[in-house]
Amino acid sequence: MENPILEAKKELIQWIKEMDELEDIVELLEIKNRKKSVYQVVEPQTEYAV
């Protein structure tokens, strides 16, 4: 039995490959960029006493 997440990713990849509407592609890129910014890890700014 195949992983359902992997199957969904394969389906999305195929769908994106067949896309030819610029507006749809731009919208997907905006979603990707929003998600990317959510997952970026900010390093803590730890101060050390010397």
C-alpha atoms as a PDB file:
ATOM      1  CA  MET A   1       0.000   0.000   0.000  1.00  0.00           C
ATOM      2  CA  GLU A   2       1.392   3.349  -0.993  1.00  0.00           C
ATOM      3  CA  ASN A   3       1.712   6.382   1.264  1.00  0.00           C
ATOM      4  CA  PRO A   4      -1.347   8.677   0.773  1.00  0.00           C
ATOM      5  CA  ILE A   5       0.831  11.792   1.121  1.00  0.00           C
ATOM      6  CA  LEU A   6       3.152  10.540  -1.614  1.00  0.00           C
ATOM      7  CA  GLU A   7       0.173   9.791  -3.852  1.00  0.00           C
ATOM      8  CA  ALA A   8      -1.224  13.293  -3.297  1.00  0.00           C
ATOM      9  CA  LYS A   9       2.157  14.849  -4.085  1.00  0.00           C
ATOM     10  CA  LYS A  10       2.431  12.843  -7.308  1.00  0.00           C
ATOM     11  CA  GLU A  11      -1.042  13.985  -8.336  1.00  0.00           C
ATOM     12  CA  LEU A  12      -0.195  17.625  -7.602  1.00  0.00           C
ATOM     13  CA  ILE A  13       3.087  17.410  -9.508  1.00  0.00           C
ATOM     14  CA  GLN A  14       1.328  16.007 -12.556  1.00  0.00           C
ATOM     15  CA  TRP A  15      -1.368  18.691 -12.345  1.00  0.00           C
ATOM     16  CA  ILE A  16       1.252  21.447 -12.084  1.00  0.00           C
ATOM     17  CA  LYS A  17       3.194  20.030 -15.058  1.00  0.00           C
ATOM     18  CA  GLU A  18       0.055  20.319 -17.176  1.00  0.00           C
ATOM     19  CA  MET A  19      -0.745  23.882 -16.048  1.00  0.00           C
ATOM     20  CA  ASP A  20      -0.507  26.604 -18.632  1.00  0.00           C
ATOM     21  CA  GLU A  21      -2.364  29.511 -17.017  1.00  0.00           C
ATOM     22  CA  LEU A  22       0.057  32.098 -15.661  1.00  0.00           C
ATOM     23  CA  GLU A  23      -2.457  33.356 -13.079  1.00  0.00           C
ATOM     24  CA  ASP A  24      -2.815  29.860 -11.597  1.00  0.00           C
ATOM     25  CA  ILE A  25       0.947  29.372 -11.460  1.00  0.00           C
ATOM     26  CA  VAL A  26       1.428  32.759  -9.789  1.00  0.00           C
ATOM     27  CA  GLU A  27      -1.225  31.866  -7.223  1.00  0.00           C
ATOM     28  CA  LEU A  28       0.554  28.599  -6.423  1.00  0.00           C
ATOM     29  CA  LEU A  29       3.852  30.454  -6.032  1.00  0.00           C
ATOM     30  CA  GLU A  30       2.194  32.876  -3.618  1.00  0.00           C
ATOM     31  CA  ILE A  31       0.890  29.957  -1.550  1.00  0.00           C
ATOM     32  CA  LYS A  32       4.349  28.384  -1.566  1.00  0.00           C
ATOM     33  CA  ASN A  33       5.982  31.617  -0.440  1.00  0.00           C
ATOM     34  CA  ARG A  34       3.452  32.127   2.359  1.00  0.00           C
ATOM     35  CA  LYS A  35       4.027  28.591   3.602  1.00  0.00           C
ATOM     36  CA  LYS A  36       7.800  28.952   3.312  1.00  0.00           C
ATOM     37  CA  SER A  37       7.779  32.080   5.476  1.00  0.00           C
ATOM     38  CA  VAL A  38       5.726  30.279   8.132  1.00  0.00           C
ATOM     39  CA  TYR A  39       8.246  27.448   8.369  1.00  0.00           C
ATOM     40  CA  GLN A  40      11.374  29.577   8.484  1.00  0.00           C
ATOM     41  CA  VAL A  41      13.060  29.174  11.827  1.00  0.00           C
ATOM     42  CA  VAL A  42      14.306  32.300  13.489  1.00  0.00           C
ATOM     43  CA  GLU A  43      17.445  31.751  15.479  1.00  0.00           C
ATOM     44  CA  PRO A  44      17.135  32.981  19.038  1.00  0.00           C
ATOM     45  CA  GLN A  45      19.171  36.056  19.846  1.00  0.00           C
ATOM     46  CA  THR A  46      20.826  34.804  22.984  1.00  0.00           C
ATOM     47  CA  GLU A  47      22.974  37.271  24.873  1.00  0.00           C
ATOM     48  CA  TYR A  48      25.906  36.064  26.891  1.00  0.00           C
ATOM     49  CA  ALA A  49      27.387  37.904  29.842  1.00  0.00           C
ATOM     50  CA  VAL A  50      31.144  38.256  29.549  1.00  0.00           C
END
